[in-house]
Amino acid sequence: MQAFWISLAVIFVAELGDKSQLMAMTFATRFKPLPVLTGITLATALVHLVSVGLGGLIGDALPTTAISIAAGIAFLGFAAWTLRGDELSDEESGKAARTTRNAFVAVTVAFFLSELGDKTMLATITLATQHGWFGTWIGSTVGMVAADALAILVGRLLGRHLPEKWIRYGAAAAFAVFGVLLLAEPLLR
């Protein structure tokens, strides 16, 4: 239980203001909250499971340069896709209203890529070197999902008061910034 509570608190605080929390807010302005939160939870659980495994095996040695470059390119792609926008036919609009699978996949992939090599992943690895893997895994996952749930709530509130065009431009800009930061990260090390 100690590993759970320590990990929950440390990761919750580390996630506040992090790029993935801003991503959660951005996704929440475009998609329903449930697929966003579900995608975040799955991606976080997977990344943090890998993290505690690495923490148990090798501690702090991670090849993050290639991961940062791949994630940066993906985020620039997400920015272009968001900026371009999508036009739905009436039939596609009906399908979109009935399914949340595409939002879930987009959120899961984006969060998985953004969390690889992120400070919360590194913090989870560090915690796993000092505490039990299971408590660290569950605590770090719950802490991150709780912080991102707050961002989803804020994103939904903003989404009700902003024109769709502004939301699309803001989301594209956010993805572009994340992409550039991820590409620049290896150069700044």
N, C-alpha and C. Protein backbone atom coordinates (compact mmCIF):
# COMPACT_ATOMS: atom_id res chain seq x y z
N MET A 1 0.82 -1.20 0.00
CA MET A 1 0.00 0.00 0.00
C MET A 1 0.87 1.27 0.00
N GLN A 2 2.02 1.20 0.64
CA GLN A 2 2.89 2.36 0.67
C GLN A 2 3.34 2.74 -0.75
N ALA A 3 3.70 1.75 -1.55
CA ALA A 3 4.11 2.00 -2.93
C ALA A 3 2.96 2.64 -3.71
N PHE A 4 1.73 2.15 -3.48
CA PHE A 4 0.56 2.70 -4.15
C PHE A 4 0.38 4.18 -3.84
N TRP A 5 0.35 4.54 -2.55
CA TRP A 5 0.08 5.92 -2.15
C TRP A 5 1.21 6.87 -2.54
N ILE A 6 2.43 6.43 -2.39
CA ILE A 6 3.56 7.28 -2.78
C ILE A 6 3.53 7.52 -4.29
N SER A 7 3.33 6.47 -5.06
CA SER A 7 3.29 6.60 -6.52
C SER A 7 2.12 7.46 -6.97
N LEU A 8 0.96 7.25 -6.38
CA LEU A 8 -0.20 8.05 -6.73
C LEU A 8 0.09 9.54 -6.52
N ALA A 9 0.59 9.89 -5.35
CA ALA A 9 0.85 11.29 -5.04
C ALA A 9 1.93 11.89 -5.93
N VAL A 10 3.03 11.18 -6.11
CA VAL A 10 4.15 11.71 -6.90
C VAL A 10 3.73 11.90 -8.36
N ILE A 11 3.06 10.92 -8.94
CA ILE A 11 2.69 11.02 -10.35
C ILE A 11 1.57 12.03 -10.56
N PHE A 12 0.62 12.12 -9.63
CA PHE A 12 -0.43 13.14 -9.74
C PHE A 12 0.19 14.53 -9.81
N VAL A 13 1.10 14.81 -8.91
CA VAL A 13 1.75 16.13 -8.88
C VAL A 13 2.62 16.33 -10.12
N ALA A 14 3.36 15.31 -10.53
CA ALA A 14 4.22 15.43 -11.71
C ALA A 14 3.40 15.68 -12.97
N GLU A 15 2.19 15.17 -13.02
CA GLU A 15 1.34 15.30 -14.21
C GLU A 15 0.71 16.69 -14.33
N LEU A 16 0.57 17.40 -13.22
CA LEU A 16 -0.06 18.71 -13.27
C LEU A 16 0.74 19.65 -14.18
N GLY A 17 0.10 20.16 -15.22
CA GLY A 17 0.75 21.06 -16.16
C GLY A 17 1.61 20.36 -17.19
N ASP A 18 1.66 19.03 -17.17
CA ASP A 18 2.46 18.27 -18.12
C ASP A 18 1.79 18.29 -19.49
N LYS A 19 2.57 17.99 -20.53
CA LYS A 19 2.03 18.03 -21.89
C LYS A 19 0.88 17.05 -22.07
N SER A 20 0.93 15.91 -21.42
CA SER A 20 -0.15 14.95 -21.59
C SER A 20 -1.44 15.42 -20.92
N GLN A 21 -1.33 16.21 -19.87
CA GLN A 21 -2.53 16.78 -19.27
C GLN A 21 -3.13 17.82 -20.22
N LEU A 22 -2.28 18.58 -20.87
CA LEU A 22 -2.77 19.53 -21.87
C LEU A 22 -3.38 18.80 -23.06
N MET A 23 -2.80 17.66 -23.42
CA MET A 23 -3.38 16.84 -24.50
C MET A 23 -4.76 16.34 -24.10
N ALA A 24 -4.91 15.91 -22.86
CA ALA A 24 -6.22 15.43 -22.39
C ALA A 24 -7.26 16.53 -22.52
N MET A 25 -6.87 17.75 -22.16
CA MET A 25 -7.76 18.88 -22.28
C MET A 25 -8.13 19.13 -23.75
N THR A 26 -7.14 19.04 -24.62
CA THR A 26 -7.37 19.25 -26.04
C THR A 26 -8.29 18.18 -26.61
N PHE A 27 -8.03 16.91 -26.30
CA PHE A 27 -8.89 15.84 -26.79
C PHE A 27 -10.31 15.99 -26.26
N ALA A 28 -10.46 16.46 -25.03
CA ALA A 28 -11.78 16.60 -24.44
C ALA A 28 -12.62 17.67 -25.11
N THR A 29 -11.98 18.61 -25.81
CA THR A 29 -12.75 19.61 -26.54
C THR A 29 -13.29 19.05 -27.84
N ARG A 30 -12.74 17.92 -28.30
CA ARG A 30 -13.14 17.34 -29.58
C ARG A 30 -13.96 16.06 -29.45
N PHE A 31 -13.74 15.30 -28.37
CA PHE A 31 -14.38 14.00 -28.22
C PHE A 31 -15.14 13.93 -26.90
N LYS A 32 -16.00 12.93 -26.80
CA LYS A 32 -16.72 12.68 -25.55
C LYS A 32 -15.74 12.26 -24.47
N PRO A 33 -16.04 12.56 -23.21
CA PRO A 33 -15.09 12.27 -22.12
C PRO A 33 -14.76 10.79 -21.94
N LEU A 34 -15.73 9.89 -22.10
CA LEU A 34 -15.48 8.48 -21.81
C LEU A 34 -14.40 7.86 -22.70
N PRO A 35 -14.46 8.02 -24.03
CA PRO A 35 -13.37 7.43 -24.83
C PRO A 35 -12.02 8.09 -24.56
N VAL A 36 -12.03 9.38 -24.23
CA VAL A 36 -10.77 10.06 -23.91
C VAL A 36 -10.18 9.47 -22.63
N LEU A 37 -10.98 9.36 -21.59
CA LEU A 37 -10.49 8.82 -20.32
C LEU A 37 -10.11 7.35 -20.44
N THR A 38 -10.88 6.60 -21.21
CA THR A 38 -10.57 5.18 -21.41
C THR A 38 -9.24 5.02 -22.16
N GLY A 39 -9.04 5.82 -23.21
CA GLY A 39 -7.79 5.77 -23.96
C GLY A 39 -6.60 6.16 -23.10
N ILE A 40 -6.76 7.20 -22.30
CA ILE A 40 -5.70 7.63 -21.39
C ILE A 40 -5.37 6.51 -20.39
N THR A 41 -6.40 5.89 -19.86
CA THR A 41 -6.20 4.84 -18.87
C THR A 41 -5.44 3.65 -19.46
N LEU A 42 -5.85 3.20 -20.65
CA LEU A 42 -5.17 2.07 -21.27
C LEU A 42 -3.71 2.41 -21.60
N ALA A 43 -3.48 3.57 -22.23
CA ALA A 43 -2.11 3.96 -22.58
C ALA A 43 -1.25 4.10 -21.33
N THR A 44 -1.80 4.73 -20.31
CA THR A 44 -1.06 4.92 -19.06
C THR A 44 -0.73 3.59 -18.40
N ALA A 45 -1.71 2.71 -18.34
CA ALA A 45 -1.48 1.40 -17.71
C ALA A 45 -0.37 0.64 -18.45
N LEU A 46 -0.39 0.69 -19.78
CA LEU A 46 0.64 -0.02 -20.55
C LEU A 46 2.03 0.60 -20.36
N VAL A 47 2.10 1.93 -20.48
CA VAL A 47 3.40 2.59 -20.34
C VAL A 47 3.94 2.41 -18.93
N HIS A 48 3.09 2.51 -17.94
CA HIS A 48 3.57 2.38 -16.56
C HIS A 48 3.89 0.93 -16.21
N LEU A 49 3.24 -0.03 -16.87
CA LEU A 49 3.63 -1.43 -16.68
C LEU A 49 5.04 -1.66 -17.23
N VAL A 50 5.31 -1.10 -18.40
CA VAL A 50 6.66 -1.16 -18.96
C VAL A 50 7.64 -0.44 -18.03
N SER A 51 7.21 0.69 -17.50
CA SER A 51 8.08 1.48 -16.62
C SER A 51 8.49 0.73 -15.37
N VAL A 52 7.52 0.08 -14.73
CA VAL A 52 7.89 -0.65 -13.51
C VAL A 52 8.74 -1.86 -13.85
N GLY A 53 8.52 -2.44 -15.03
CA GLY A 53 9.38 -3.54 -15.47
C GLY A 53 10.80 -3.06 -15.68
N LEU A 54 10.95 -1.92 -16.34
CA LEU A 54 12.28 -1.35 -16.54
C LEU A 54 12.90 -0.93 -15.21
N GLY A 55 12.08 -0.36 -14.36
CA GLY A 55 12.59 0.04 -13.05
C GLY A 55 13.13 -1.14 -12.26
N GLY A 56 12.43 -2.26 -12.39
CA GLY A 56 12.89 -3.46 -11.70
C GLY A 56 14.14 -4.06 -12.33
N LEU A 57 14.32 -3.86 -13.64
CA LEU A 57 15.45 -4.47 -14.33
C LEU A 57 16.67 -3.56 -14.47
N ILE A 58 16.45 -2.36 -14.97
CA ILE A 58 17.62 -1.54 -15.31
C ILE A 58 17.63 -0.15 -14.69
N GLY A 59 16.59 0.21 -13.96
CA GLY A 59 16.61 1.51 -13.29
C GLY A 59 16.45 2.68 -14.22
N ASP A 60 17.52 3.36 -14.52
CA ASP A 60 17.39 4.63 -15.22
C ASP A 60 17.99 4.67 -16.63
N ALA A 61 18.33 3.54 -17.21
CA ALA A 61 18.94 3.53 -18.54
C ALA A 61 17.89 3.32 -19.63
N LEU A 62 17.46 4.38 -20.31
CA LEU A 62 16.45 4.30 -21.37
C LEU A 62 16.94 4.96 -22.65
N PRO A 63 16.74 4.33 -23.79
CA PRO A 63 17.06 4.97 -25.07
C PRO A 63 15.92 5.89 -25.53
N THR A 64 15.84 7.09 -25.01
CA THR A 64 14.68 7.94 -25.26
C THR A 64 14.79 8.81 -26.51
N THR A 65 15.95 8.93 -27.12
CA THR A 65 16.11 9.80 -28.29
C THR A 65 15.23 9.36 -29.45
N ALA A 66 15.29 8.12 -29.84
CA ALA A 66 14.49 7.63 -30.96
C ALA A 66 13.00 7.72 -30.65
N ILE A 67 12.64 7.43 -29.41
CA ILE A 67 11.24 7.52 -29.00
C ILE A 67 10.75 8.95 -29.10
N SER A 68 11.54 9.91 -28.65
CA SER A 68 11.15 11.32 -28.73
C SER A 68 10.98 11.78 -30.17
N ILE A 69 11.86 11.35 -31.05
CA ILE A 69 11.77 11.74 -32.47
C ILE A 69 10.51 11.15 -33.10
N ALA A 70 10.25 9.87 -32.88
CA ALA A 70 9.05 9.24 -33.44
C ALA A 70 7.78 9.89 -32.91
N ALA A 71 7.74 10.17 -31.62
CA ALA A 71 6.57 10.82 -31.04
C ALA A 71 6.41 12.23 -31.57
N GLY A 72 7.52 12.97 -31.75
CA GLY A 72 7.46 14.32 -32.29
C GLY A 72 6.89 14.35 -33.70
N ILE A 73 7.33 13.43 -34.53
CA ILE A 73 6.82 13.35 -35.90
C ILE A 73 5.32 13.00 -35.88
N ALA A 74 4.94 12.08 -35.02
CA ALA A 74 3.52 11.71 -34.91
C ALA A 74 2.68 12.90 -34.49
N PHE A 75 3.17 13.70 -33.55
CA PHE A 75 2.41 14.86 -33.10
C PHE A 75 2.29 15.92 -34.18
N LEU A 76 3.32 16.10 -34.98
CA LEU A 76 3.22 17.03 -36.11
C LEU A 76 2.18 16.51 -37.11
N GLY A 77 2.11 15.21 -37.28
CA GLY A 77 1.07 14.62 -38.13
C GLY A 77 -0.32 14.85 -37.55
N PHE A 78 -0.47 14.68 -36.22
CA PHE A 78 -1.75 14.96 -35.57
C PHE A 78 -2.14 16.43 -35.77
N ALA A 79 -1.15 17.33 -35.71
CA ALA A 79 -1.43 18.77 -35.89
C ALA A 79 -1.96 19.03 -37.29
N ALA A 80 -1.29 18.47 -38.30
CA ALA A 80 -1.74 18.68 -39.67
C ALA A 80 -3.13 18.10 -39.89
N TRP A 81 -3.36 16.94 -39.35
CA TRP A 81 -4.66 16.29 -39.49
C TRP A 81 -5.75 17.12 -38.84
N THR A 82 -5.47 17.64 -37.65
CA THR A 82 -6.44 18.46 -36.93
C THR A 82 -6.70 19.76 -37.66
N LEU A 83 -5.66 20.39 -38.17
CA LEU A 83 -5.80 21.66 -38.88
C LEU A 83 -6.60 21.50 -40.16
N ARG A 84 -6.34 20.43 -40.87
CA ARG A 84 -7.06 20.15 -42.11
C ARG A 84 -8.54 19.99 -41.85
N GLY A 85 -8.87 19.39 -40.72
CA GLY A 85 -10.27 19.18 -40.39
C GLY A 85 -10.85 18.03 -41.18
N ASP A 86 -12.01 17.60 -40.77
CA ASP A 86 -12.69 16.50 -41.43
C ASP A 86 -14.10 16.93 -41.79
N GLU A 87 -14.54 16.50 -42.95
CA GLU A 87 -15.91 16.73 -43.38
C GLU A 87 -16.62 15.38 -43.35
N LEU A 88 -17.76 15.32 -42.70
CA LEU A 88 -18.51 14.08 -42.61
C LEU A 88 -19.77 14.15 -43.46
N SER A 89 -20.03 13.05 -44.17
CA SER A 89 -21.32 12.94 -44.85
C SER A 89 -22.38 12.67 -43.80
N ASP A 90 -23.64 12.72 -44.19
CA ASP A 90 -24.70 12.43 -43.23
C ASP A 90 -24.59 11.01 -42.68
N GLU A 91 -24.23 10.07 -43.56
CA GLU A 91 -24.07 8.68 -43.13
C GLU A 91 -22.92 8.55 -42.14
N GLU A 92 -21.77 9.19 -42.45
CA GLU A 92 -20.62 9.14 -41.56
C GLU A 92 -20.92 9.84 -40.24
N SER A 93 -21.68 10.92 -40.30
CA SER A 93 -22.05 11.64 -39.09
C SER A 93 -22.87 10.74 -38.16
N GLY A 94 -23.77 9.97 -38.76
CA GLY A 94 -24.57 9.03 -37.96
C GLY A 94 -23.71 7.96 -37.33
N LYS A 95 -22.74 7.45 -38.09
CA LYS A 95 -21.82 6.45 -37.55
C LYS A 95 -20.99 7.03 -36.42
N ALA A 96 -20.50 8.27 -36.61
CA ALA A 96 -19.68 8.91 -35.58
C ALA A 96 -20.46 9.09 -34.29
N ALA A 97 -21.73 9.37 -34.41
CA ALA A 97 -22.55 9.56 -33.22
C ALA A 97 -22.75 8.23 -32.49
N ARG A 98 -22.71 7.11 -33.23
CA ARG A 98 -22.95 5.80 -32.62
C ARG A 98 -21.68 5.14 -32.08
N THR A 99 -20.52 5.56 -32.54
CA THR A 99 -19.29 4.87 -32.12
C THR A 99 -18.28 5.85 -31.55
N THR A 100 -17.49 5.37 -30.61
CA THR A 100 -16.42 6.18 -30.04
C THR A 100 -15.07 5.52 -30.26
N ARG A 101 -15.04 4.47 -31.09
CA ARG A 101 -13.82 3.70 -31.30
C ARG A 101 -12.68 4.55 -31.85
N ASN A 102 -12.93 5.39 -32.84
CA ASN A 102 -11.86 6.19 -33.43
C ASN A 102 -11.26 7.16 -32.43
N ALA A 103 -12.07 7.78 -31.61
CA ALA A 103 -11.56 8.67 -30.57
C ALA A 103 -10.70 7.88 -29.59
N PHE A 104 -11.17 6.71 -29.21
CA PHE A 104 -10.43 5.86 -28.28
C PHE A 104 -9.06 5.50 -28.85
N VAL A 105 -9.02 5.09 -30.10
CA VAL A 105 -7.75 4.70 -30.73
C VAL A 105 -6.81 5.90 -30.83
N ALA A 106 -7.33 7.05 -31.28
CA ALA A 106 -6.50 8.25 -31.42
C ALA A 106 -5.91 8.66 -30.07
N VAL A 107 -6.72 8.67 -29.04
CA VAL A 107 -6.25 9.08 -27.71
C VAL A 107 -5.24 8.07 -27.17
N THR A 108 -5.52 6.78 -27.32
CA THR A 108 -4.63 5.75 -26.80
C THR A 108 -3.26 5.84 -27.46
N VAL A 109 -3.23 5.94 -28.79
CA VAL A 109 -1.95 6.01 -29.51
C VAL A 109 -1.20 7.28 -29.14
N ALA A 110 -1.89 8.41 -29.14
CA ALA A 110 -1.24 9.69 -28.82
C ALA A 110 -0.65 9.67 -27.41
N PHE A 111 -1.42 9.18 -26.44
CA PHE A 111 -0.92 9.15 -25.07
C PHE A 111 0.21 8.14 -24.89
N PHE A 112 0.10 7.00 -25.54
CA PHE A 112 1.16 6.02 -25.44
C PHE A 112 2.47 6.60 -25.95
N LEU A 113 2.43 7.22 -27.12
CA LEU A 113 3.65 7.82 -27.69
C LEU A 113 4.18 8.96 -26.84
N SER A 114 3.27 9.80 -26.35
CA SER A 114 3.73 10.97 -25.59
C SER A 114 4.30 10.60 -24.24
N GLU A 115 3.87 9.50 -23.69
CA GLU A 115 4.35 9.11 -22.35
C GLU A 115 5.68 8.36 -22.39
N LEU A 116 6.03 7.80 -23.54
CA LEU A 116 7.31 7.10 -23.62
C LEU A 116 8.45 8.10 -23.44
N GLY A 117 9.24 7.90 -22.42
CA GLY A 117 10.36 8.80 -22.14
C GLY A 117 9.96 10.08 -21.42
N ASP A 118 8.68 10.23 -21.08
CA ASP A 118 8.19 11.43 -20.39
C ASP A 118 8.62 11.39 -18.92
N LYS A 119 8.52 12.55 -18.27
CA LYS A 119 8.94 12.62 -16.87
C LYS A 119 8.13 11.70 -15.97
N THR A 120 6.85 11.47 -16.28
CA THR A 120 6.08 10.57 -15.44
C THR A 120 6.52 9.12 -15.63
N MET A 121 6.96 8.77 -16.84
CA MET A 121 7.50 7.43 -17.07
C MET A 121 8.80 7.27 -16.29
N LEU A 122 9.66 8.26 -16.38
CA LEU A 122 10.94 8.20 -15.67
C LEU A 122 10.73 8.20 -14.16
N ALA A 123 9.73 8.96 -13.70
CA ALA A 123 9.42 8.96 -12.26
C ALA A 123 8.91 7.59 -11.83
N THR A 124 8.09 6.96 -12.66
CA THR A 124 7.58 5.63 -12.34
C THR A 124 8.71 4.60 -12.30
N ILE A 125 9.64 4.70 -13.23
CA ILE A 125 10.81 3.81 -13.21
C ILE A 125 11.58 3.98 -11.91
N THR A 126 11.81 5.23 -11.55
CA THR A 126 12.55 5.52 -10.32
C THR A 126 11.81 4.98 -9.09
N LEU A 127 10.50 5.21 -9.03
CA LEU A 127 9.71 4.70 -7.91
C LEU A 127 9.77 3.18 -7.84
N ALA A 128 9.75 2.53 -9.02
CA ALA A 128 9.78 1.06 -9.05
C ALA A 128 11.11 0.50 -8.58
N THR A 129 12.18 1.30 -8.68
CA THR A 129 13.47 0.81 -8.17
C THR A 129 13.50 0.82 -6.65
N GLN A 130 12.59 1.59 -6.04
CA GLN A 130 12.60 1.74 -4.58
C GLN A 130 11.42 1.07 -3.89
N HIS A 131 10.35 0.78 -4.63
CA HIS A 131 9.13 0.23 -4.04
C HIS A 131 8.67 -0.97 -4.86
N GLY A 132 7.68 -1.66 -4.37
CA GLY A 132 7.14 -2.82 -5.08
C GLY A 132 6.54 -2.45 -6.41
N TRP A 133 6.71 -3.32 -7.41
CA TRP A 133 6.27 -3.00 -8.77
C TRP A 133 4.76 -2.88 -8.88
N PHE A 134 3.99 -3.75 -8.23
CA PHE A 134 2.54 -3.74 -8.40
C PHE A 134 1.92 -2.47 -7.82
N GLY A 135 2.28 -2.14 -6.59
CA GLY A 135 1.76 -0.92 -5.97
C GLY A 135 2.18 0.33 -6.73
N THR A 136 3.41 0.33 -7.22
CA THR A 136 3.90 1.46 -8.01
C THR A 136 3.12 1.57 -9.32
N TRP A 137 2.88 0.45 -9.97
CA TRP A 137 2.15 0.46 -11.24
C TRP A 137 0.72 0.97 -11.06
N ILE A 138 0.00 0.41 -10.10
CA ILE A 138 -1.39 0.82 -9.89
C ILE A 138 -1.44 2.27 -9.40
N GLY A 139 -0.59 2.63 -8.45
CA GLY A 139 -0.60 4.00 -7.91
C GLY A 139 -0.24 5.03 -8.95
N SER A 140 0.78 4.76 -9.76
CA SER A 140 1.18 5.74 -10.79
C SER A 140 0.11 5.87 -11.86
N THR A 141 -0.53 4.78 -12.21
CA THR A 141 -1.61 4.82 -13.21
C THR A 141 -2.80 5.62 -12.68
N VAL A 142 -3.22 5.35 -11.45
CA VAL A 142 -4.35 6.07 -10.86
C VAL A 142 -4.01 7.56 -10.71
N GLY A 143 -2.80 7.87 -10.29
CA GLY A 143 -2.41 9.27 -10.13
C GLY A 143 -2.45 10.04 -11.44
N MET A 144 -1.95 9.42 -12.50
CA MET A 144 -1.95 10.10 -13.79
C MET A 144 -3.35 10.23 -14.36
N VAL A 145 -4.15 9.18 -14.26
CA VAL A 145 -5.52 9.24 -14.78
C VAL A 145 -6.33 10.28 -14.00
N ALA A 146 -6.13 10.38 -12.70
CA ALA A 146 -6.85 11.38 -11.91
C ALA A 146 -6.49 12.80 -12.36
N ALA A 147 -5.20 13.05 -12.57
CA ALA A 147 -4.78 14.39 -13.02
C ALA A 147 -5.33 14.69 -14.42
N ASP A 148 -5.33 13.70 -15.29
CA ASP A 148 -5.84 13.91 -16.64
C ASP A 148 -7.36 14.02 -16.66
N ALA A 149 -8.05 13.37 -15.71
CA ALA A 149 -9.50 13.52 -15.60
C ALA A 149 -9.86 14.97 -15.29
N LEU A 150 -9.05 15.62 -14.45
CA LEU A 150 -9.27 17.05 -14.20
C LEU A 150 -9.14 17.86 -15.48
N ALA A 151 -8.15 17.52 -16.29
CA ALA A 151 -7.94 18.23 -17.57
C ALA A 151 -9.10 17.99 -18.52
N ILE A 152 -9.65 16.78 -18.52
CA ILE A 152 -10.80 16.48 -19.37
C ILE A 152 -12.00 17.34 -18.97
N LEU A 153 -12.21 17.48 -17.68
CA LEU A 153 -13.31 18.31 -17.19
C LEU A 153 -13.14 19.76 -17.65
N VAL A 154 -11.95 20.29 -17.51
CA VAL A 154 -11.68 21.66 -17.97
C VAL A 154 -11.86 21.77 -19.48
N GLY A 155 -11.35 20.78 -20.22
CA GLY A 155 -11.49 20.79 -21.68
C GLY A 155 -12.94 20.76 -22.12
N ARG A 156 -13.76 19.99 -21.45
CA ARG A 156 -15.19 19.93 -21.80
C ARG A 156 -15.86 21.27 -21.52
N LEU A 157 -15.52 21.90 -20.42
CA LEU A 157 -16.11 23.20 -20.11
C LEU A 157 -15.70 24.25 -21.14
N LEU A 158 -14.42 24.26 -21.54
CA LEU A 158 -13.96 25.20 -22.56
C LEU A 158 -14.63 24.92 -23.90
N GLY A 159 -14.80 23.65 -24.23
CA GLY A 159 -15.38 23.26 -25.51
C GLY A 159 -16.80 23.75 -25.70
N ARG A 160 -17.51 23.96 -24.63
CA ARG A 160 -18.89 24.46 -24.73
C ARG A 160 -18.95 25.95 -25.01
N HIS A 161 -17.87 26.66 -24.75
CA HIS A 161 -17.90 28.11 -24.85
C HIS A 161 -17.05 28.68 -25.98
N LEU A 162 -16.36 27.83 -26.72
CA LEU A 162 -15.49 28.31 -27.79
C LEU A 162 -16.01 27.83 -29.14
N PRO A 163 -15.89 28.66 -30.18
CA PRO A 163 -16.29 28.21 -31.52
C PRO A 163 -15.43 27.03 -31.98
N GLU A 164 -16.03 26.14 -32.79
CA GLU A 164 -15.33 24.94 -33.24
C GLU A 164 -14.05 25.27 -34.00
N LYS A 165 -14.08 26.35 -34.79
CA LYS A 165 -12.90 26.76 -35.56
C LYS A 165 -11.73 27.07 -34.62
N TRP A 166 -11.98 27.78 -33.52
CA TRP A 166 -10.93 28.12 -32.55
C TRP A 166 -10.40 26.86 -31.88
N ILE A 167 -11.31 25.95 -31.57
CA ILE A 167 -10.90 24.70 -30.93
C ILE A 167 -9.98 23.92 -31.88
N ARG A 168 -10.35 23.86 -33.17
CA ARG A 168 -9.53 23.13 -34.15
C ARG A 168 -8.15 23.77 -34.27
N TYR A 169 -8.09 25.10 -34.38
CA TYR A 169 -6.80 25.78 -34.48
C TYR A 169 -5.98 25.63 -33.20
N GLY A 170 -6.64 25.72 -32.07
CA GLY A 170 -5.94 25.55 -30.79
C GLY A 170 -5.40 24.15 -30.62
N ALA A 171 -6.20 23.15 -31.00
CA ALA A 171 -5.75 21.76 -30.90
C ALA A 171 -4.58 21.51 -31.84
N ALA A 172 -4.67 22.02 -33.07
CA ALA A 172 -3.57 21.85 -34.03
C ALA A 172 -2.31 22.51 -33.51
N ALA A 173 -2.44 23.71 -32.95
CA ALA A 173 -1.28 24.41 -32.40
C ALA A 173 -0.68 23.63 -31.23
N ALA A 174 -1.53 23.09 -30.37
CA ALA A 174 -1.03 22.32 -29.22
C ALA A 174 -0.27 21.08 -29.70
N PHE A 175 -0.83 20.35 -30.66
CA PHE A 175 -0.13 19.18 -31.18
C PHE A 175 1.19 19.58 -31.84
N ALA A 176 1.20 20.69 -32.57
CA ALA A 176 2.43 21.13 -33.22
C ALA A 176 3.49 21.49 -32.18
N VAL A 177 3.09 22.19 -31.14
CA VAL A 177 4.03 22.55 -30.07
C VAL A 177 4.59 21.29 -29.41
N PHE A 178 3.71 20.32 -29.10
CA PHE A 178 4.18 19.07 -28.50
C PHE A 178 5.15 18.37 -29.43
N GLY A 179 4.84 18.36 -30.73
CA GLY A 179 5.72 17.71 -31.70
C GLY A 179 7.09 18.36 -31.75
N VAL A 180 7.12 19.69 -31.80
CA VAL A 180 8.39 20.41 -31.84
C VAL A 180 9.17 20.18 -30.54
N LEU A 181 8.49 20.22 -29.41
CA LEU A 181 9.17 19.98 -28.13
C LEU A 181 9.76 18.58 -28.06
N LEU A 182 9.01 17.60 -28.54
CA LEU A 182 9.53 16.23 -28.53
C LEU A 182 10.73 16.08 -29.47
N LEU A 183 10.68 16.76 -30.62
CA LEU A 183 11.82 16.69 -31.54
C LEU A 183 13.03 17.43 -30.98
N ALA A 184 12.80 18.52 -30.25
CA ALA A 184 13.90 19.30 -29.68
C ALA A 184 14.49 18.67 -28.43
N GLU A 185 13.71 17.83 -27.76
CA GLU A 185 14.15 17.25 -26.49
C GLU A 185 15.50 16.54 -26.58
N PRO A 186 15.75 15.70 -27.60
CA PRO A 186 17.07 15.04 -27.67
C PRO A 186 18.22 16.04 -27.87
N LEU A 187 17.93 17.16 -28.53
CA LEU A 187 18.98 18.16 -28.76
C LEU A 187 19.33 18.93 -27.50
N LEU A 188 18.39 19.02 -26.59
CA LEU A 188 18.59 19.80 -25.36
C LEU A 188 19.20 18.98 -24.24
N ARG A 189 19.35 17.68 -24.44
CA ARG A 189 19.93 16.82 -23.39
C ARG A 189 21.41 17.00 -23.30
